[in-house]
Structure formats: structure tokens, C-alpha cells
Amino acid sequence: MPLYLGIDTSNYTTSVAVFDSAAGTVIQQKKLLPVASGKLGLKQSDAVFLHVRQLGALLEAALGQSAAIAGVAASASPRDEEGSYMPCFLVGLLAAQAVSASAKVPLFTFSHQCGHVAAALYSAGRLELLGSPFLAFHISGGTTQCLLVEPDGDRILRVTTIAETLDLNAGQAVDRVGGMLGLEFPAGPRLEELARQSQNRYRTRPTFKGADCCLSGLENLCARRLEEGEAPADVARFLMDYLAALMLEMTHRALERHPGLPLVYAGGVMSNGIIRAALEDRYAACFAQPAFSSDNAAGTAVLCAIKNGGWKPC
């Protein structure tokens, strides 16, 4: 029963996953980094400390009574781009290096973004897409990008950014507006609950420059509506309808350049049911299941198995 360990220490989740290549199942253990009430994030130094404090217990819980692992992998950078770096990923990488050395098993590294894409494909039952080009959307607090993903031999997949936000990320907009409305960070799930209480539906026109989008004005639009006395539920719904319209247009423009390619949506924002429903009405696409949408190590563990030759998706 070959087992593969994945570790991801991102902003804002400590995550460990064990992929059983014989059963095709993943065991996940993850924990959000604690953020003080009223705050919208953490300094990297604080994130590093919190990952160090949380990771050991999660490793013990994930490995449990498991047999020896056959390989280990860690997210070592945010994206597969030169200069892509965040200190928090060093915590997971160091732990993976220690496991590799002590267990005498291979160590592999992947980007956090590639892990997100693989987790989405795994949870949607579509890992066979790794064998052909597809479009992936990584929409989170730190990233708002459309990616052309292509098979790349030993590297498994090659990721090229073809469109992105030019300013604010979608997840940042969600958390900032959530903060305006008195919601705790991260605000996504509670903001969706609030938006579902609204009876209004909004037609919006997000700002684009070519294939790229601009989100910096969305925060101001929501603040103005709140100042003018609009109900918090309606402000939340306006935000969700705006982001849904943004994703629909971003997808349309990507398909104009790359017609016919399969669509995959990953990242914490894509766990939002309102946004997902709008996309499903228009496109046949793969979505990460909610447990695999937010930051997690599942995709990293699956990529580890593929890289080590212990498993082949079909």
C-alpha cells in the first residue's frame, strides 16, 4: 500500500495530506492560522511561527498508524515563476526534508499553485486531464489568475499565466468587504451566508484591460453602498454577483484565445456556491470540492505519487 505524504504551509493554512495510491484516497489534516479579531491577515514572520507550532501535531494525526511512506513532497513556492517566494513555505519544506532524510524516501517540491490545480482535479475525479492542455483558474486571497496548463514530462505540468488581476485579488476583496460588514477573517463562508439572505440580484460590469481584470474599485463600490444605507445582505450579494460576472467574463476571454479547452476552477473563492452556480449555468467545468478548494496539501501528495512513479492517473 504505497503512501505519499504532502505538506503545504501557506497563508493561511497548515496542511498535511497522505495519498494512498492503491485505494486512490486522501487523508487530510489542516488547520487555519489564527488571526486576531478585526485583523485581515498576518505578517510573514507570524505565519512562519504559527506553522511551526501547528505542523507537528498535524503530521502525527495524518500519519497515525500508517505504514512507511514511499515519498514526500512540499509546496516550496507560491507559483512556478522566477522570484516567486514566501517565507512561510520554508516551514513545510524543512519538515519534508527531515522526513525524507529520516525515512530514506525521495523528496519532491511543487508550487502551491500546482498543488491547488492537482487537488481540484483529484476531487473532481478528472486527473486524466493532466495528460492534455486545459485552462485552470486559481482564485484566492493571494491569486486571481487564469492559467494554461500543459503536460510537461518529468515536471508533470507546465503552468503559464494568460490572464490575471492587475491590482486586488478576489479573496482580498471578499475579506475586506467582510471586514466592513463586521465579519471575522477569513470572511468567505459567512459572507456567502449573508448574501443568500438578499432578495436582490445585480447586473454588474467588471473592469478589464484586455484579458486582465481590475478589482481595486470593487471595495469602494461596496463601501459606498454601505454608506448610503444599503442592507449588509444586499452589499454582500452585490459583491458575489460582481465576482461571478468577473469570472464569467474572464472565462469567456480565455476561451476566445484557447477555444475548446476544458475548464478547471480552484482556490478558496471558488468554493463559493453563488459564484460556482453562475459558472455552471454557462460552462461545463471541473470544480474543486469545498474541502479541496482552500489551501491544502492533497494535490501535493497526489503529484508526489505521480512524480515517484508509484501511481498513474487514468
C-alpha atoms as a PDB file:
ATOM      1  CA  MET A   1       0.000   0.000   0.000  1.00  0.00           C
ATOM      2  CA  PRO A   2       2.271   2.846  -1.213  1.00  0.00           C
ATOM      3  CA  LEU A   3       1.589   6.060   0.693  1.00  0.00           C
ATOM      4  CA  TYR A   4       2.714   9.536  -0.286  1.00  0.00           C
ATOM      5  CA  LEU A   5       2.978  12.496   2.070  1.00  0.00           C
ATOM      6  CA  GLY A   6       2.251  16.084   1.021  1.00  0.00           C
ATOM      7  CA  ILE A   7       2.924  19.217   3.106  1.00  0.00           C
ATOM      8  CA  ASP A   8       1.705  22.752   2.417  1.00  0.00           C
ATOM      9  CA  THR A   9       2.373  25.704   4.731  1.00  0.00           C
ATOM     10  CA  SER A  10       0.716  28.636   3.010  1.00  0.00           C
ATOM     11  CA  ASN A  11      -1.054  31.781   4.063  1.00  0.00           C
ATOM     12  CA  TYR A  12      -3.309  30.922   5.874  1.00  0.00           C
ATOM     13  CA  THR A  13      -3.455  27.145   6.386  1.00  0.00           C
ATOM     14  CA  THR A  14      -1.132  24.473   7.758  1.00  0.00           C
ATOM     15  CA  SER A  15      -1.941  21.332   5.785  1.00  0.00           C
ATOM     16  CA  VAL A  16      -0.761  17.728   5.646  1.00  0.00           C
ATOM     17  CA  ALA A  17      -2.153  15.015   3.379  1.00  0.00           C
ATOM     18  CA  VAL A  18      -1.435  11.326   2.847  1.00  0.00           C
ATOM     19  CA  PHE A  19      -2.361   9.859  -0.539  1.00  0.00           C
ATOM     20  CA  ASP A  20      -2.984   6.111  -0.669  1.00  0.00           C
ATOM     21  CA  SER A  21      -2.099   5.224  -4.257  1.00  0.00           C
ATOM     22  CA  ALA A  22      -3.643   1.767  -4.018  1.00  0.00           C
ATOM     23  CA  ALA A  23      -7.043   2.989  -2.863  1.00  0.00           C
ATOM     24  CA  GLY A  24      -6.839   6.372  -4.583  1.00  0.00           C
ATOM     25  CA  THR A  25      -7.869   8.108  -1.350  1.00  0.00           C
ATOM     26  CA  VAL A  26      -6.539  11.115   0.543  1.00  0.00           C
ATOM     27  CA  ILE A  27      -6.419  11.680   4.288  1.00  0.00           C
ATOM     28  CA  GLN A  28      -6.187  15.404   5.091  1.00  0.00           C
ATOM     29  CA  GLN A  29      -5.269  17.211   8.272  1.00  0.00           C
ATOM     30  CA  LYS A  30      -5.290  21.002   8.124  1.00  0.00           C
ATOM     31  CA  LYS A  31      -5.700  23.976  10.406  1.00  0.00           C
ATOM     32  CA  LEU A  32      -6.168  27.669   9.721  1.00  0.00           C
ATOM     33  CA  LEU A  33      -3.567  30.025  11.129  1.00  0.00           C
ATOM     34  CA  PRO A  34      -5.221  32.070  13.898  1.00  0.00           C
ATOM     35  CA  VAL A  35      -5.774  35.738  13.017  1.00  0.00           C
ATOM     36  CA  ALA A  36      -6.640  38.247  15.736  1.00  0.00           C
ATOM     37  CA  SER A  37     -10.188  39.576  15.737  1.00  0.00           C
ATOM     38  CA  GLY A  38     -10.541  42.610  13.488  1.00  0.00           C
ATOM     39  CA  LYS A  39      -7.365  41.871  11.548  1.00  0.00           C
ATOM     40  CA  LEU A  40      -7.281  40.943   7.834  1.00  0.00           C
ATOM     41  CA  GLY A  41      -4.072  38.947   7.762  1.00  0.00           C
ATOM     42  CA  LEU A  42      -0.707  38.073   9.264  1.00  0.00           C
ATOM     43  CA  LYS A  43       2.881  39.183   8.914  1.00  0.00           C
ATOM     44  CA  GLN A  44       5.032  36.507   7.282  1.00  0.00           C
ATOM     45  CA  SER A  45       7.120  36.203  10.454  1.00  0.00           C
ATOM     46  CA  ASP A  46       3.975  35.444  12.452  1.00  0.00           C
ATOM     47  CA  ALA A  47       2.791  32.956   9.831  1.00  0.00           C
ATOM     48  CA  VAL A  48       6.119  31.117   9.988  1.00  0.00           C
ATOM     49  CA  PHE A  49       5.924  30.855  13.787  1.00  0.00           C
ATOM     50  CA  LEU A  50       2.322  29.610  13.701  1.00  0.00           C
ATOM     51  CA  HIS A  51       3.112  26.969  11.070  1.00  0.00           C
ATOM     52  CA  VAL A  52       5.996  25.699  13.232  1.00  0.00           C
ATOM     53  CA  ARG A  53       3.630  25.474  16.199  1.00  0.00           C
ATOM     54  CA  GLN A  54       0.881  23.635  14.286  1.00  0.00           C
ATOM     55  CA  LEU A  55       2.686  21.354  11.840  1.00  0.00           C
ATOM     56  CA  GLY A  56       3.969  18.663  14.218  1.00  0.00           C
ATOM     57  CA  ALA A  57       0.551  17.695  15.558  1.00  0.00           C
ATOM     58  CA  LEU A  58      -0.945  17.623  12.059  1.00  0.00           C
ATOM     59  CA  LEU A  59       1.831  15.318  10.821  1.00  0.00           C
ATOM     60  CA  GLU A  60       1.200  12.944  13.716  1.00  0.00           C
ATOM     61  CA  ALA A  61      -2.548  12.949  13.058  1.00  0.00           C
ATOM     62  CA  ALA A  62      -2.175  12.365   9.308  1.00  0.00           C
ATOM     63  CA  LEU A  63       0.407   9.611   9.532  1.00  0.00           C
ATOM     64  CA  GLY A  64      -1.177   7.901  12.545  1.00  0.00           C
ATOM     65  CA  GLN A  65      -0.606   4.162  12.346  1.00  0.00           C
ATOM     66  CA  SER A  66       0.184   4.283   8.623  1.00  0.00           C
ATOM     67  CA  ALA A  67       2.767   2.046   7.049  1.00  0.00           C
ATOM     68  CA  ALA A  68       6.006   3.601   5.865  1.00  0.00           C
ATOM     69  CA  ILE A  69       5.605   6.254   3.208  1.00  0.00           C
ATOM     70  CA  ALA A  70       7.130   5.867  -0.255  1.00  0.00           C
ATOM     71  CA  GLY A  71       7.759   9.566  -0.921  1.00  0.00           C
ATOM     72  CA  VAL A  72       7.250  13.076   0.431  1.00  0.00           C
ATOM     73  CA  ALA A  73       6.614  16.416  -1.266  1.00  0.00           C
ATOM     74  CA  ALA A  74       6.193  20.010  -0.152  1.00  0.00           C
ATOM     75  CA  SER A  75       4.929  23.241  -1.635  1.00  0.00           C
ATOM     76  CA  ALA A  76       8.134  25.258  -1.933  1.00  0.00           C
ATOM     77  CA  SER A  77       6.882  28.455  -3.593  1.00  0.00           C
ATOM     78  CA  PRO A  78       3.620  30.225  -4.406  1.00  0.00           C
ATOM     79  CA  ARG A  79       3.903  29.746  -8.192  1.00  0.00           C
ATOM     80  CA  ASP A  80       6.174  28.284 -10.856  1.00  0.00           C
ATOM     81  CA  GLU A  81       7.632  31.673 -11.697  1.00  0.00           C
ATOM     82  CA  GLU A  82      11.118  33.067 -11.227  1.00  0.00           C
ATOM     83  CA  GLY A  83      11.294  35.020  -7.990  1.00  0.00           C
ATOM     84  CA  SER A  84       8.091  33.502  -6.567  1.00  0.00           C
ATOM     85  CA  TYR A  85       8.822  33.203  -2.853  1.00  0.00           C
ATOM     86  CA  MET A  86       7.186  33.403   0.563  1.00  0.00           C
ATOM     87  CA  PRO A  87       8.970  32.531   3.833  1.00  0.00           C
ATOM     88  CA  CYS A  88       6.030  30.514   5.182  1.00  0.00           C
ATOM     89  CA  PHE A  89       6.655  27.740   2.637  1.00  0.00           C
ATOM     90  CA  LEU A  90      10.089  27.106   4.171  1.00  0.00           C
ATOM     91  CA  VAL A  91       8.412  25.525   7.209  1.00  0.00           C
ATOM     92  CA  GLY A  92       6.793  22.772   5.150  1.00  0.00           C
ATOM     93  CA  LEU A  93       9.906  22.313   3.027  1.00  0.00           C
ATOM     94  CA  LEU A  94      12.112  21.874   6.100  1.00  0.00           C
ATOM     95  CA  ALA A  95       9.704  19.307   7.546  1.00  0.00           C
ATOM     96  CA  ALA A  96       9.625  17.421   4.239  1.00  0.00           C
ATOM     97  CA  GLN A  97      13.429  17.394   4.094  1.00  0.00           C
ATOM     98  CA  ALA A  98      13.559  15.939   7.605  1.00  0.00           C
ATOM     99  CA  VAL A  99      11.012  13.227   6.758  1.00  0.00           C
ATOM    100  CA  SER A 100      12.845  12.376   3.543  1.00  0.00           C
ATOM    101  CA  ALA A 101      16.196  12.069   5.276  1.00  0.00           C
ATOM    102  CA  SER A 102      14.926  10.021   8.215  1.00  0.00           C
ATOM    103  CA  ALA A 103      12.672   7.709   6.184  1.00  0.00           C
ATOM    104  CA  LYS A 104      15.139   7.487   3.271  1.00  0.00           C
ATOM    105  CA  VAL A 105      12.450   8.250   0.705  1.00  0.00           C
ATOM    106  CA  PRO A 106      12.513  10.651  -2.282  1.00  0.00           C
ATOM    107  CA  LEU A 107      11.737  14.324  -1.742  1.00  0.00           C
ATOM    108  CA  PHE A 108       9.928  16.396  -4.376  1.00  0.00           C
ATOM    109  CA  THR A 109       8.866  20.027  -4.478  1.00  0.00           C
ATOM    110  CA  PHE A 110       5.995  21.677  -6.306  1.00  0.00           C
ATOM    111  CA  SER A 111       4.456  25.114  -6.303  1.00  0.00           C
ATOM    112  CA  HIS A 112       1.469  25.876  -4.128  1.00  0.00           C
ATOM    113  CA  GLN A 113      -0.437  26.733  -7.302  1.00  0.00           C
ATOM    114  CA  CYS A 114       0.260  23.358  -8.917  1.00  0.00           C
ATOM    115  CA  GLY A 115      -0.963  21.725  -5.728  1.00  0.00           C
ATOM    116  CA  HIS A 116      -4.211  23.674  -5.978  1.00  0.00           C
ATOM    117  CA  VAL A 117      -4.739  22.563  -9.579  1.00  0.00           C
ATOM    118  CA  ALA A 118      -3.989  18.908  -8.782  1.00  0.00           C
ATOM    119  CA  ALA A 119      -6.295  18.985  -5.737  1.00  0.00           C
ATOM    120  CA  ALA A 120      -9.125  20.330  -7.880  1.00  0.00           C
ATOM    121  CA  LEU A 121      -8.630  17.611 -10.498  1.00  0.00           C
ATOM    122  CA  TYR A 122      -8.393  14.907  -7.829  1.00  0.00           C
ATOM    123  CA  SER A 123     -11.557  15.981  -6.018  1.00  0.00           C
ATOM    124  CA  ALA A 124     -13.449  16.318  -9.309  1.00  0.00           C
ATOM    125  CA  GLY A 125     -12.309  12.868 -10.463  1.00  0.00           C
ATOM    126  CA  ARG A 126     -10.586  14.369 -13.509  1.00  0.00           C
ATOM    127  CA  LEU A 127      -6.881  13.705 -13.014  1.00  0.00           C
ATOM    128  CA  GLU A 128      -6.716  12.337 -16.555  1.00  0.00           C
ATOM    129  CA  LEU A 129      -6.705  15.978 -17.689  1.00  0.00           C
ATOM    130  CA  LEU A 130      -3.057  16.117 -16.648  1.00  0.00           C
ATOM    131  CA  GLY A 131      -2.331  14.361 -19.947  1.00  0.00           C
ATOM    132  CA  SER A 132      -3.607  17.200 -22.152  1.00  0.00           C
ATOM    133  CA  PRO A 133      -3.864  21.023 -22.127  1.00  0.00           C
ATOM    134  CA  PHE A 134      -6.592  22.722 -20.103  1.00  0.00           C
ATOM    135  CA  LEU A 135      -7.444  26.103 -18.595  1.00  0.00           C
ATOM    136  CA  ALA A 136      -7.288  26.453 -14.818  1.00  0.00           C
ATOM    137  CA  PHE A 137      -8.474  29.367 -12.711  1.00  0.00           C
ATOM    138  CA  HIS A 138      -6.734  29.879  -9.373  1.00  0.00           C
ATOM    139  CA  ILE A 139      -8.887  32.331  -7.436  1.00  0.00           C
ATOM    140  CA  SER A 140      -7.950  33.003  -3.818  1.00  0.00           C
ATOM    141  CA  GLY A 141      -6.808  35.645  -1.370  1.00  0.00           C
ATOM    142  CA  GLY A 142      -3.345  35.766  -2.872  1.00  0.00           C
ATOM    143  CA  THR A 143      -4.024  34.919  -6.515  1.00  0.00           C
ATOM    144  CA  THR A 144      -6.523  35.740  -9.239  1.00  0.00           C
ATOM    145  CA  GLN A 145      -5.189  34.097 -12.387  1.00  0.00           C
ATOM    146  CA  CYS A 146      -6.210  32.159 -15.463  1.00  0.00           C
ATOM    147  CA  LEU A 147      -3.629  29.530 -16.338  1.00  0.00           C
ATOM    148  CA  LEU A 148      -2.838  27.494 -19.405  1.00  0.00           C
ATOM    149  CA  VAL A 149      -1.797  24.106 -18.013  1.00  0.00           C
ATOM    150  CA  GLU A 150       0.037  21.651 -20.265  1.00  0.00           C
ATOM    151  CA  PRO A 151       1.664  18.252 -19.682  1.00  0.00           C
ATOM    152  CA  ASP A 152       5.409  18.571 -19.218  1.00  0.00           C
ATOM    153  CA  GLY A 153       7.034  15.170 -18.909  1.00  0.00           C
ATOM    154  CA  ASP A 154       9.152  14.868 -15.776  1.00  0.00           C
ATOM    155  CA  ARG A 155       7.737  18.103 -14.319  1.00  0.00           C
ATOM    156  CA  ILE A 156       4.206  16.670 -14.805  1.00  0.00           C
ATOM    157  CA  LEU A 157       2.652  20.033 -15.673  1.00  0.00           C
ATOM    158  CA  ARG A 158       3.721  23.377 -17.062  1.00  0.00           C
ATOM    159  CA  VAL A 159       1.724  26.406 -15.970  1.00  0.00           C
ATOM    160  CA  THR A 160       1.581  29.643 -17.974  1.00  0.00           C
ATOM    161  CA  THR A 161      -0.354  32.670 -16.752  1.00  0.00           C
ATOM    162  CA  ILE A 162      -2.543  34.039 -19.553  1.00  0.00           C
ATOM    163  CA  ALA A 163      -4.693  36.478 -17.532  1.00  0.00           C
ATOM    164  CA  GLU A 164      -4.706  37.894 -14.014  1.00  0.00           C
ATOM    165  CA  THR A 165      -5.796  40.737 -11.780  1.00  0.00           C
ATOM    166  CA  LEU A 166      -3.817  43.931 -12.169  1.00  0.00           C
ATOM    167  CA  ASP A 167      -4.447  45.020  -8.581  1.00  0.00           C
ATOM    168  CA  LEU A 168      -6.615  43.498  -5.846  1.00  0.00           C
ATOM    169  CA  ASN A 169      -7.201  39.746  -5.633  1.00  0.00           C
ATOM    170  CA  ALA A 170     -10.717  38.322  -5.448  1.00  0.00           C
ATOM    171  CA  GLY A 171     -10.173  36.810  -2.000  1.00  0.00           C
ATOM    172  CA  GLN A 172      -8.819  40.123  -0.706  1.00  0.00           C
ATOM    173  CA  ALA A 173     -11.987  41.853  -1.881  1.00  0.00           C
ATOM    174  CA  VAL A 174     -14.084  39.243  -0.064  1.00  0.00           C
ATOM    175  CA  ASP A 175     -12.179  39.671   3.197  1.00  0.00           C
ATOM    176  CA  ARG A 176     -12.079  43.482   3.031  1.00  0.00           C
ATOM    177  CA  VAL A 177     -15.804  43.750   2.394  1.00  0.00           C
ATOM    178  CA  GLY A 178     -16.392  41.116   5.059  1.00  0.00           C
ATOM    179  CA  GLY A 179     -14.418  43.305   7.466  1.00  0.00           C
ATOM    180  CA  MET A 180     -16.620  46.301   6.564  1.00  0.00           C
ATOM    181  CA  LEU A 181     -19.638  44.189   7.477  1.00  0.00           C
ATOM    182  CA  GLY A 182     -18.175  43.098  10.805  1.00  0.00           C
ATOM    183  CA  LEU A 183     -17.307  39.534   9.789  1.00  0.00           C
ATOM    184  CA  GLU A 184     -14.241  37.725  11.092  1.00  0.00           C
ATOM    185  CA  PHE A 185     -11.328  36.774   8.830  1.00  0.00           C
ATOM    186  CA  PRO A 186     -11.484  34.729   6.643  1.00  0.00           C
ATOM    187  CA  ALA A 187     -14.900  36.071   5.715  1.00  0.00           C
ATOM    188  CA  GLY A 188     -15.846  33.909   2.708  1.00  0.00           C
ATOM    189  CA  PRO A 189     -18.300  31.374   4.190  1.00  0.00           C
ATOM    190  CA  ARG A 190     -20.109  33.899   6.399  1.00  0.00           C
ATOM    191  CA  LEU A 191     -20.266  36.448   3.582  1.00  0.00           C
ATOM    192  CA  GLU A 192     -21.942  33.868   1.340  1.00  0.00           C
ATOM    193  CA  GLU A 193     -24.477  33.087   4.074  1.00  0.00           C
ATOM    194  CA  LEU A 194     -25.232  36.795   4.380  1.00  0.00           C
ATOM    195  CA  ALA A 195     -25.524  37.245   0.595  1.00  0.00           C
ATOM    196  CA  ARG A 196     -28.091  34.433   0.413  1.00  0.00           C
ATOM    197  CA  GLN A 197     -30.398  36.476   2.672  1.00  0.00           C
ATOM    198  CA  SER A 198     -30.697  39.169  -0.022  1.00  0.00           C
ATOM    199  CA  GLN A 199     -33.623  39.192  -2.425  1.00  0.00           C
ATOM    200  CA  ASN A 200     -31.727  41.371  -4.910  1.00  0.00           C
ATOM    201  CA  ARG A 201     -29.766  40.290  -7.968  1.00  0.00           C
ATOM    202  CA  TYR A 202     -27.259  42.636  -9.540  1.00  0.00           C
ATOM    203  CA  ARG A 203     -26.069  43.078 -13.114  1.00  0.00           C
ATOM    204  CA  THR A 204     -22.519  44.383 -12.971  1.00  0.00           C
ATOM    205  CA  ARG A 205     -19.797  45.293 -15.459  1.00  0.00           C
ATOM    206  CA  PRO A 206     -16.353  44.412 -14.084  1.00  0.00           C
ATOM    207  CA  THR A 207     -13.355  46.328 -15.405  1.00  0.00           C
ATOM    208  CA  PHE A 208     -10.961  44.634 -17.852  1.00  0.00           C
ATOM    209  CA  LYS A 209      -7.819  45.664 -19.670  1.00  0.00           C
ATOM    210  CA  GLY A 210      -7.502  43.109 -22.425  1.00  0.00           C
ATOM    211  CA  ALA A 211      -7.685  39.667 -20.811  1.00  0.00           C
ATOM    212  CA  ASP A 212      -6.678  41.033 -17.392  1.00  0.00           C
ATOM    213  CA  CYS A 213      -9.112  42.293 -14.783  1.00  0.00           C
ATOM    214  CA  CYS A 214      -9.104  45.131 -12.246  1.00  0.00           C
ATOM    215  CA  LEU A 215     -10.700  44.699  -8.824  1.00  0.00           C
ATOM    216  CA  SER A 216      -9.485  47.715  -6.845  1.00  0.00           C
ATOM    217  CA  GLY A 217     -12.729  49.632  -7.447  1.00  0.00           C
ATOM    218  CA  LEU A 218     -14.944  46.869  -6.059  1.00  0.00           C
ATOM    219  CA  GLU A 219     -14.078  47.626  -2.435  1.00  0.00           C
ATOM    220  CA  ASN A 220     -15.047  51.285  -2.927  1.00  0.00           C
ATOM    221  CA  LEU A 221     -18.314  50.344  -4.648  1.00  0.00           C
ATOM    222  CA  CYS A 222     -19.287  48.171  -1.690  1.00  0.00           C
ATOM    223  CA  ALA A 223     -18.237  50.833   0.837  1.00  0.00           C
ATOM    224  CA  ARG A 224     -20.364  53.442  -0.950  1.00  0.00           C
ATOM    225  CA  ARG A 225     -23.416  51.192  -0.930  1.00  0.00           C
ATOM    226  CA  LEU A 226     -22.997  50.555   2.784  1.00  0.00           C
ATOM    227  CA  GLU A 227     -22.575  54.293   3.497  1.00  0.00           C
ATOM    228  CA  GLU A 228     -25.758  55.024   1.540  1.00  0.00           C
ATOM    229  CA  GLY A 229     -27.718  52.721   3.835  1.00  0.00           C
ATOM    230  CA  GLU A 230     -27.918  49.572   1.737  1.00  0.00           C
ATOM    231  CA  ALA A 231     -28.521  46.462   3.839  1.00  0.00           C
ATOM    232  CA  PRO A 232     -25.434  44.361   4.632  1.00  0.00           C
ATOM    233  CA  ALA A 233     -27.026  41.325   2.945  1.00  0.00           C
ATOM    234  CA  ASP A 234     -27.511  43.339  -0.247  1.00  0.00           C
ATOM    235  CA  VAL A 235     -23.920  44.616  -0.160  1.00  0.00           C
ATOM    236  CA  ALA A 236     -22.723  41.033   0.249  1.00  0.00           C
ATOM    237  CA  ARG A 237     -24.898  39.920  -2.673  1.00  0.00           C
ATOM    238  CA  PHE A 238     -23.610  42.757  -4.848  1.00  0.00           C
ATOM    239  CA  LEU A 239     -20.054  41.599  -4.144  1.00  0.00           C
ATOM    240  CA  MET A 240     -20.876  37.983  -5.043  1.00  0.00           C
ATOM    241  CA  ASP A 241     -22.710  38.940  -8.241  1.00  0.00           C
ATOM    242  CA  TYR A 242     -19.806  41.199  -9.238  1.00  0.00           C
ATOM    243  CA  LEU A 243     -17.256  38.401  -8.741  1.00  0.00           C
ATOM    244  CA  ALA A 244     -19.489  35.948 -10.615  1.00  0.00           C
ATOM    245  CA  ALA A 245     -19.710  38.363 -13.552  1.00  0.00           C
ATOM    246  CA  LEU A 246     -15.938  38.831 -13.391  1.00  0.00           C
ATOM    247  CA  MET A 247     -15.322  35.083 -13.568  1.00  0.00           C
ATOM    248  CA  LEU A 248     -17.787  34.645 -16.429  1.00  0.00           C
ATOM    249  CA  GLU A 249     -16.093  37.356 -18.475  1.00  0.00           C
ATOM    250  CA  MET A 250     -12.592  36.153 -17.606  1.00  0.00           C
ATOM    251  CA  THR A 251     -13.546  32.653 -18.740  1.00  0.00           C
ATOM    252  CA  HIS A 252     -15.132  33.964 -21.950  1.00  0.00           C
ATOM    253  CA  ARG A 253     -11.996  35.917 -22.873  1.00  0.00           C
ATOM    254  CA  ALA A 254      -9.733  32.960 -22.095  1.00  0.00           C
ATOM    255  CA  LEU A 255     -11.792  30.639 -24.292  1.00  0.00           C
ATOM    256  CA  GLU A 256     -11.659  33.130 -27.139  1.00  0.00           C
ATOM    257  CA  ARG A 257      -7.881  32.686 -27.118  1.00  0.00           C
ATOM    258  CA  HIS A 258      -7.921  28.944 -26.354  1.00  0.00           C
ATOM    259  CA  PRO A 259     -11.208  27.568 -27.697  1.00  0.00           C
ATOM    260  CA  GLY A 260     -12.398  24.129 -26.697  1.00  0.00           C
ATOM    261  CA  LEU A 261     -10.059  23.563 -23.746  1.00  0.00           C
ATOM    262  CA  PRO A 262     -11.501  22.005 -20.562  1.00  0.00           C
ATOM    263  CA  LEU A 263     -12.067  24.369 -17.640  1.00  0.00           C
ATOM    264  CA  VAL A 264     -10.919  23.810 -14.050  1.00  0.00           C
ATOM    265  CA  TYR A 265     -11.621  26.125 -11.107  1.00  0.00           C
ATOM    266  CA  ALA A 266      -9.537  26.031  -7.915  1.00  0.00           C
ATOM    267  CA  GLY A 267      -8.797  28.235  -4.910  1.00  0.00           C
ATOM    268  CA  GLY A 268     -10.741  29.273  -1.845  1.00  0.00           C
ATOM    269  CA  VAL A 269     -13.014  31.765  -3.611  1.00  0.00           C
ATOM    270  CA  MET A 270     -14.230  29.004  -5.944  1.00  0.00           C
ATOM    271  CA  SER A 271     -15.843  27.195  -3.008  1.00  0.00           C
ATOM    272  CA  ASN A 272     -18.465  29.962  -3.054  1.00  0.00           C
ATOM    273  CA  GLY A 273     -21.771  28.429  -4.134  1.00  0.00           C
ATOM    274  CA  ILE A 274     -23.169  31.615  -5.690  1.00  0.00           C
ATOM    275  CA  ILE A 275     -20.168  32.114  -7.966  1.00  0.00           C
ATOM    276  CA  ARG A 276     -19.987  28.434  -8.823  1.00  0.00           C
ATOM    277  CA  ALA A 277     -23.686  28.270  -9.767  1.00  0.00           C
ATOM    278  CA  ALA A 278     -23.279  31.208 -12.170  1.00  0.00           C
ATOM    279  CA  LEU A 279     -20.374  29.483 -13.906  1.00  0.00           C
ATOM    280  CA  GLU A 280     -22.128  26.102 -14.036  1.00  0.00           C
ATOM    281  CA  ASP A 281     -25.102  27.739 -15.770  1.00  0.00           C
ATOM    282  CA  ARG A 282     -22.795  28.810 -18.605  1.00  0.00           C
ATOM    283  CA  TYR A 283     -19.936  26.305 -18.792  1.00  0.00           C
ATOM    284  CA  ALA A 284     -19.255  22.599 -18.342  1.00  0.00           C
ATOM    285  CA  ALA A 285     -16.325  22.745 -15.951  1.00  0.00           C
ATOM    286  CA  CYS A 286     -14.493  20.959 -13.133  1.00  0.00           C
ATOM    287  CA  PHE A 287     -14.633  22.460  -9.663  1.00  0.00           C
ATOM    288  CA  ALA A 288     -12.651  21.514  -6.604  1.00  0.00           C
ATOM    289  CA  GLN A 289     -14.888  20.152  -3.872  1.00  0.00           C
ATOM    290  CA  PRO A 290     -15.076  22.628  -0.951  1.00  0.00           C
ATOM    291  CA  ALA A 291     -12.638  20.638   1.208  1.00  0.00           C
ATOM    292  CA  PHE A 292     -10.121  20.778  -1.638  1.00  0.00           C
ATOM    293  CA  SER A 293     -10.760  24.396  -2.688  1.00  0.00           C
ATOM    294  CA  SER A 294      -8.996  26.259   0.083  1.00  0.00           C
ATOM    295  CA  ASP A 295      -5.286  25.777   0.693  1.00  0.00           C
ATOM    296  CA  ASN A 296      -4.457  22.104   1.180  1.00  0.00           C
ATOM    297  CA  ALA A 297      -1.704  19.545   0.717  1.00  0.00           C
ATOM    298  CA  ALA A 298      -3.811  16.952  -1.125  1.00  0.00           C
ATOM    299  CA  GLY A 299      -2.692  17.951  -4.601  1.00  0.00           C
ATOM    300  CA  THR A 300       0.938  17.987  -3.490  1.00  0.00           C
ATOM    301  CA  ALA A 301       0.601  14.417  -2.181  1.00  0.00           C
ATOM    302  CA  VAL A 302      -1.001  13.253  -5.443  1.00  0.00           C
ATOM    303  CA  LEU A 303       1.712  14.929  -7.522  1.00  0.00           C
ATOM    304  CA  CYS A 304       4.300  13.229  -5.299  1.00  0.00           C
ATOM    305  CA  ALA A 305       2.867   9.812  -6.186  1.00  0.00           C
ATOM    306  CA  ILE A 306       2.872  10.606  -9.903  1.00  0.00           C
ATOM    307  CA  LYS A 307       6.398  12.029  -9.794  1.00  0.00           C
ATOM    308  CA  ASN A 308       7.723   8.994  -7.935  1.00  0.00           C
ATOM    309  CA  GLY A 309       6.220   6.635 -10.495  1.00  0.00           C
ATOM    310  CA  GLY A 310       4.034   4.997  -7.853  1.00  0.00           C
ATOM    311  CA  TRP A 311       0.758   5.934  -9.455  1.00  0.00           C
ATOM    312  CA  LYS A 312      -0.581   6.921 -12.855  1.00  0.00           C
ATOM    313  CA  PRO A 313      -3.910   8.734 -13.293  1.00  0.00           C
ATOM    314  CA  CYS A 314      -6.258   7.301 -15.881  1.00  0.00           C
END
